[in-house]
Amino acid sequence: MKPETDFDRGTAVRRVGETGDRFQAELRTEWLNRGIVNGGLLLAVAARALGERLQEGSPHVDPFALSAHFLSGSAPGPVEIETSVVRQGRQLSTGTASLIQTDHKGAQSERVRLVGTYRDLDTLNDEVFTTATCPDLPPVEECVSTETASAEMLSLSGLHERLDLRLDPRTTGWSNEQGPSGAGVARGWMRFRDGREPDALAMLLASDVLPPVSFDLGAAGFPLTVQMAAYVRAKPAPGWLRLTQSTRNYAGGFLEQDVEIWDSKERLALQARHLIYVVPNGD
């Protein structure tokens, strides 16, 4: 039996009753990012629960195309995930998941609503026709480790104690005297510190771990993901993941953040797009 990893503990779900559509999970403090639970981790939790529901009577075990709306910020503590099956076909199965949290007053709030389509990624053929190019990153040892961040920043982000994240120094000017470039780009390498190898669920987390591109734009405020779409294109090979994200349009306080994840074989394994609201300082 494989040893349980930080990520597997952080995304573990358990069914309420022997059968049924409801699951429970515990959002852990070690996945906080700036005081709230990381959105990629929330997506992975909801996707794991929905995957377990859809696997009943179906070979479709892998998240393939996901759309998630983030309705409110999540705090550490217990959550319930309500799932439903929309359709189970020969190639694809689709369902929904709602992640619900109860506050200290007993009021329930829906945090995330997910619509997900699943399939067996092992059945994808090997044909690839693409104009996408693998990002040209400096070697891992020449990139900036998030361990070098200030003690205050690290105290707000237990996430980085679980991840080995190395940032392309050409995209970190916002964090030093160089200043933001204005290009709206972030790039870097990622792997788990405990040696866990990447898979489809891990890439959902990885799609939300780089510094938001609003930092590189110099946009003041707290960036929050409102909606996210993710497409898993392949099972990632073992080893480091290359992450890149960018934006082309920031208007009215909102920007899109396009994400690509490439595996160690330089294969495009995930594409995602976030809609981000940059909450003005003081709001």
Protein backbone atom coordinates (compact mmCIF):
# COMPACT_ATOMS: atom_id res chain seq x y z
CA MET A 1 0.00 0.00 0.00
CA LYS A 2 1.37 3.40 -0.99
CA PRO A 3 2.04 5.83 1.88
CA GLU A 4 -0.51 8.60 2.20
CA THR A 5 0.80 11.95 0.98
CA ASP A 6 0.02 15.52 2.05
CA PHE A 7 -2.08 16.06 -1.08
CA ASP A 8 -4.00 12.81 -0.68
CA ARG A 9 -4.78 13.68 2.95
CA GLY A 10 -5.78 17.21 1.93
CA THR A 11 -8.22 15.99 -0.74
CA ALA A 12 -9.58 12.87 0.99
CA VAL A 13 -13.36 12.42 0.85
CA ARG A 14 -15.64 9.90 2.56
CA ARG A 15 -19.14 8.97 1.56
CA VAL A 16 -22.03 9.75 3.92
CA GLY A 17 -23.63 6.32 4.29
CA GLU A 18 -22.76 3.25 2.24
CA THR A 19 -24.40 4.62 -0.90
CA GLY A 20 -25.62 8.04 -1.88
CA ASP A 21 -24.63 11.33 -3.40
CA ARG A 22 -23.10 13.11 -0.38
CA PHE A 23 -19.49 13.12 0.73
CA GLN A 24 -17.59 14.75 3.60
CA ALA A 25 -14.09 16.22 3.66
CA GLU A 26 -11.88 18.26 5.97
CA LEU A 27 -10.25 21.43 4.65
CA ARG A 28 -6.86 21.59 6.36
CA THR A 29 -4.97 24.68 7.51
CA GLU A 30 -1.84 23.60 5.62
CA TRP A 31 -3.56 24.43 2.32
CA LEU A 32 -4.24 28.06 3.21
CA ASN A 33 -3.11 30.77 0.85
CA ARG A 34 -3.31 34.32 2.17
CA GLY A 35 -5.84 33.30 4.80
CA ILE A 36 -8.28 31.27 2.69
CA VAL A 37 -8.15 27.70 1.37
CA ASN A 38 -6.44 27.54 -2.02
CA GLY A 39 -8.91 27.42 -4.92
CA GLY A 40 -7.04 24.66 -6.74
CA LEU A 41 -7.24 22.50 -3.62
CA LEU A 42 -10.99 23.13 -3.36
CA LEU A 43 -11.40 22.16 -7.01
CA ALA A 44 -9.45 18.95 -6.42
CA VAL A 45 -11.61 18.04 -3.39
CA ALA A 46 -14.85 18.58 -5.31
CA ALA A 47 -13.45 16.75 -8.35
CA ARG A 48 -12.38 13.76 -6.23
CA ALA A 49 -15.86 13.42 -4.73
CA LEU A 50 -17.55 13.72 -8.12
CA GLY A 51 -15.10 11.22 -9.59
CA GLU A 52 -15.92 8.66 -6.91
CA ARG A 53 -19.63 9.13 -7.61
CA LEU A 54 -19.25 8.78 -11.38
CA GLN A 55 -17.03 5.68 -11.11
CA GLU A 56 -20.01 3.63 -9.98
CA GLY A 57 -20.92 1.63 -13.06
CA SER A 58 -18.57 3.62 -15.30
CA PRO A 59 -14.93 3.33 -16.43
CA HIS A 60 -14.59 7.11 -16.49
CA VAL A 61 -12.19 7.65 -13.61
CA ASP A 62 -10.33 10.82 -14.65
CA PRO A 63 -11.44 14.48 -14.64
CA PHE A 64 -11.39 15.67 -18.25
CA ALA A 65 -13.30 18.95 -18.66
CA LEU A 66 -14.30 20.97 -15.59
CA SER A 67 -16.07 24.27 -15.00
CA ALA A 68 -16.18 25.62 -11.45
CA HIS A 69 -17.74 28.74 -9.95
CA PHE A 70 -16.20 29.96 -6.69
CA LEU A 71 -19.09 31.49 -4.78
CA SER A 72 -17.42 32.44 -1.49
CA GLY A 73 -14.13 31.96 0.33
CA SER A 74 -13.57 28.73 2.25
CA ALA A 75 -12.09 28.42 5.75
CA PRO A 76 -10.41 25.36 7.28
CA GLY A 77 -12.86 22.87 8.70
CA PRO A 78 -15.42 20.24 7.64
CA VAL A 79 -17.33 20.48 4.36
CA GLU A 80 -19.94 18.42 2.59
CA ILE A 81 -19.96 17.76 -1.16
CA GLU A 82 -23.32 17.06 -2.77
CA THR A 83 -22.95 15.27 -6.11
CA SER A 84 -25.31 14.31 -8.92
CA VAL A 85 -24.98 12.27 -12.10
CA VAL A 86 -26.15 14.07 -15.24
CA ARG A 87 -25.24 11.46 -17.84
CA GLN A 88 -23.08 8.38 -18.17
CA GLY A 89 -22.16 7.42 -21.73
CA ARG A 90 -19.69 5.16 -23.49
CA GLN A 91 -16.94 7.79 -23.86
CA LEU A 92 -17.79 10.42 -21.26
CA SER A 93 -19.68 10.81 -17.99
CA THR A 94 -20.87 14.14 -16.59
CA GLY A 95 -22.03 15.22 -13.17
CA THR A 96 -22.14 18.11 -10.71
CA ALA A 97 -20.70 18.74 -7.26
CA SER A 98 -21.46 21.45 -4.71
CA LEU A 99 -19.04 22.07 -1.87
CA ILE A 100 -20.96 23.34 1.17
CA GLN A 101 -19.61 24.66 4.46
CA THR A 102 -21.42 25.38 7.73
CA ASP A 103 -20.23 28.37 9.76
CA HIS A 104 -20.03 28.69 13.55
CA LYS A 105 -23.62 30.01 13.62
CA GLY A 106 -24.96 26.97 11.78
CA ALA A 107 -25.58 28.78 8.49
CA GLN A 108 -24.71 26.84 5.34
CA SER A 109 -22.91 28.45 2.41
CA GLU A 110 -22.14 26.94 -0.96
CA ARG A 111 -18.47 27.61 -1.64
CA VAL A 112 -17.90 25.93 -5.02
CA ARG A 113 -20.22 24.59 -7.70
CA LEU A 114 -18.62 22.26 -10.23
CA VAL A 115 -19.80 20.74 -13.48
CA GLY A 116 -17.40 18.01 -14.54
CA THR A 117 -17.00 15.62 -17.46
CA TYR A 118 -14.86 12.53 -16.85
CA ARG A 119 -13.30 9.83 -19.03
CA ASP A 120 -10.57 7.22 -18.97
CA LEU A 121 -7.44 9.15 -20.00
CA ASP A 122 -5.66 5.90 -20.85
CA THR A 123 -7.98 5.53 -23.85
CA LEU A 124 -6.83 8.78 -25.49
CA ASN A 125 -4.92 8.22 -28.73
CA ASP A 126 -1.37 9.50 -29.21
CA GLU A 127 -2.03 11.94 -32.07
CA VAL A 128 -1.00 15.51 -31.32
CA PHE A 129 -1.32 18.49 -33.68
CA THR A 130 -0.45 21.71 -31.88
CA THR A 131 1.12 25.14 -32.25
CA ALA A 132 1.63 25.36 -28.48
CA THR A 133 5.25 25.38 -27.37
CA CYS A 134 6.72 24.22 -24.09
CA PRO A 135 7.82 27.23 -21.99
CA ASP A 136 11.53 27.98 -22.03
CA LEU A 137 12.32 28.03 -18.32
CA PRO A 138 15.73 28.42 -16.71
CA PRO A 139 16.99 25.25 -15.00
CA VAL A 140 15.28 24.51 -11.68
CA GLU A 141 18.38 25.42 -9.68
CA GLU A 142 18.47 28.88 -11.31
CA CYS A 143 14.87 29.70 -10.44
CA VAL A 144 13.60 31.48 -7.32
CA SER A 145 12.31 29.18 -4.58
CA THR A 146 9.26 30.39 -2.70
CA GLU A 147 11.20 29.52 0.45
CA THR A 148 12.97 32.85 -0.03
CA ALA A 149 9.72 34.78 0.51
CA SER A 150 9.33 36.87 3.66
CA ALA A 151 8.36 35.18 6.92
CA GLU A 152 5.12 37.16 6.87
CA MET A 153 4.23 35.90 3.40
CA LEU A 154 5.09 32.30 4.28
CA SER A 155 2.98 32.50 7.44
CA LEU A 156 -0.04 33.31 5.25
CA SER A 157 0.58 30.46 2.85
CA GLY A 158 1.04 27.00 4.33
CA LEU A 159 0.56 25.82 0.76
CA HIS A 160 4.23 26.46 0.02
CA GLU A 161 5.35 24.13 2.80
CA ARG A 162 3.74 21.28 0.81
CA LEU A 163 5.08 22.33 -2.60
CA ASP A 164 8.52 22.82 -4.09
CA LEU A 165 7.78 25.83 -6.28
CA ARG A 166 10.55 27.55 -8.28
CA LEU A 167 9.71 30.79 -10.10
CA ASP A 168 11.29 32.02 -13.31
CA PRO A 169 13.31 35.06 -12.12
CA ARG A 170 12.28 36.92 -15.28
CA THR A 171 8.70 37.03 -13.93
CA THR A 172 9.35 37.99 -10.29
CA GLY A 173 10.25 41.67 -10.66
CA TRP A 174 7.05 42.61 -8.80
CA SER A 175 8.60 41.11 -5.63
CA ASN A 176 11.80 43.18 -5.67
CA GLU A 177 13.20 46.56 -6.61
CA GLN A 178 12.88 45.76 -10.32
CA GLY A 179 9.11 46.17 -10.13
CA PRO A 180 6.30 44.56 -12.16
CA SER A 181 6.99 44.16 -15.87
CA GLY A 182 3.43 44.99 -16.97
CA ALA A 183 3.38 41.89 -19.19
CA GLY A 184 1.03 39.93 -16.91
CA VAL A 185 3.04 36.70 -16.92
CA ALA A 186 4.13 34.10 -14.33
CA ARG A 187 6.15 30.93 -14.93
CA GLY A 188 7.81 28.27 -12.84
CA TRP A 189 8.45 24.66 -11.88
CA MET A 190 6.43 22.64 -9.33
CA ARG A 191 6.59 19.30 -7.57
CA PHE A 192 5.39 17.98 -4.20
CA ARG A 193 7.95 18.13 -1.40
CA ASP A 194 7.01 14.65 -0.15
CA GLY A 195 7.76 13.06 -3.52
CA ARG A 196 4.19 12.45 -4.68
CA GLU A 197 4.09 12.24 -8.47
CA PRO A 198 1.60 14.36 -10.42
CA ASP A 199 -1.73 13.12 -11.75
CA ALA A 200 -4.89 14.76 -13.06
CA LEU A 201 -6.13 15.86 -9.61
CA ALA A 202 -2.70 17.22 -8.68
CA MET A 203 -2.68 19.33 -11.83
CA LEU A 204 -5.95 20.95 -10.74
CA LEU A 205 -4.09 22.16 -7.66
CA ALA A 206 -1.05 23.15 -9.75
CA SER A 207 -3.24 25.33 -11.95
CA ASP A 208 -3.66 27.73 -9.02
CA VAL A 209 -0.28 27.93 -7.26
CA LEU A 210 1.75 30.50 -9.20
CA PRO A 211 1.60 34.16 -8.12
CA PRO A 212 -1.44 35.78 -9.78
CA VAL A 213 -0.63 37.66 -12.99
CA SER A 214 -2.15 40.79 -11.46
CA PHE A 215 1.10 41.08 -9.44
CA ASP A 216 3.13 41.35 -12.65
CA LEU A 217 0.68 43.94 -13.99
CA GLY A 218 1.17 46.06 -10.88
CA ALA A 219 -2.59 45.97 -10.21
CA ALA A 220 -3.24 46.80 -6.56
CA GLY A 221 -5.73 44.59 -4.75
CA PHE A 222 -6.51 41.04 -3.66
CA PRO A 223 -7.06 38.64 -6.62
CA LEU A 224 -9.96 36.19 -6.27
CA THR A 225 -10.96 33.52 -8.80
CA VAL A 226 -14.63 33.87 -9.73
CA GLN A 227 -14.83 31.09 -12.32
CA MET A 228 -12.41 28.53 -13.73
CA ALA A 229 -12.43 26.08 -16.62
CA ALA A 230 -9.85 23.29 -16.81
CA TYR A 231 -9.13 20.73 -19.53
CA VAL A 232 -6.95 17.72 -18.72
CA ARG A 233 -5.21 16.80 -21.99
CA ALA A 234 -3.10 13.87 -20.80
CA LYS A 235 -1.88 12.00 -17.75
CA PRO A 236 1.33 13.77 -16.72
CA ALA A 237 4.64 11.92 -16.72
CA PRO A 238 6.47 11.67 -13.38
CA GLY A 239 8.75 14.55 -12.42
CA TRP A 240 8.65 18.33 -12.35
CA LEU A 241 5.70 20.19 -13.86
CA ARG A 242 6.30 23.37 -15.87
CA LEU A 243 3.66 26.00 -15.15
CA THR A 244 2.92 29.14 -17.10
CA GLN A 245 0.12 31.68 -16.92
CA SER A 246 -0.65 34.97 -18.63
CA THR A 247 -3.34 37.54 -19.32
CA ARG A 248 -4.16 39.75 -22.29
CA ASN A 249 -6.94 41.88 -20.87
CA TYR A 250 -7.50 43.57 -17.50
CA ALA A 251 -10.60 45.76 -17.47
CA GLY A 252 -13.20 46.80 -14.92
CA GLY A 253 -11.27 45.06 -12.16
CA PHE A 254 -11.43 41.65 -13.91
CA LEU A 255 -8.84 39.70 -15.89
CA GLU A 256 -8.54 36.30 -17.51
CA GLN A 257 -5.61 34.14 -16.46
CA ASP A 258 -4.67 31.46 -18.98
CA VAL A 259 -2.74 28.51 -17.55
CA GLU A 260 -0.73 25.76 -19.22
CA ILE A 261 0.86 22.81 -17.43
CA TRP A 262 3.57 20.82 -19.22
CA ASP A 263 4.95 17.55 -17.89
CA SER A 264 8.55 16.30 -17.74
CA LYS A 265 8.25 14.92 -21.28
CA GLU A 266 7.39 18.44 -22.53
CA ARG A 267 3.81 17.43 -23.24
CA LEU A 268 0.93 19.83 -22.69
CA ALA A 269 -1.03 18.06 -19.96
CA LEU A 270 -3.54 20.69 -18.79
CA GLN A 271 -5.02 23.97 -20.00
CA ALA A 272 -7.11 26.23 -17.78
CA ARG A 273 -8.61 29.69 -17.70
CA HIS A 274 -9.48 31.65 -14.56
CA LEU A 275 -11.70 34.71 -14.41
CA ILE A 276 -10.17 36.80 -11.63
CA TYR A 277 -11.57 39.79 -9.79
CA VAL A 278 -8.92 42.04 -8.26
CA VAL A 279 -10.65 43.27 -5.11
CA PRO A 280 -9.60 46.88 -4.46
CA ASN A 281 -7.54 47.43 -1.33
CA GLY A 282 -9.77 48.42 1.54
CA ASP A 283 -12.87 46.58 0.28
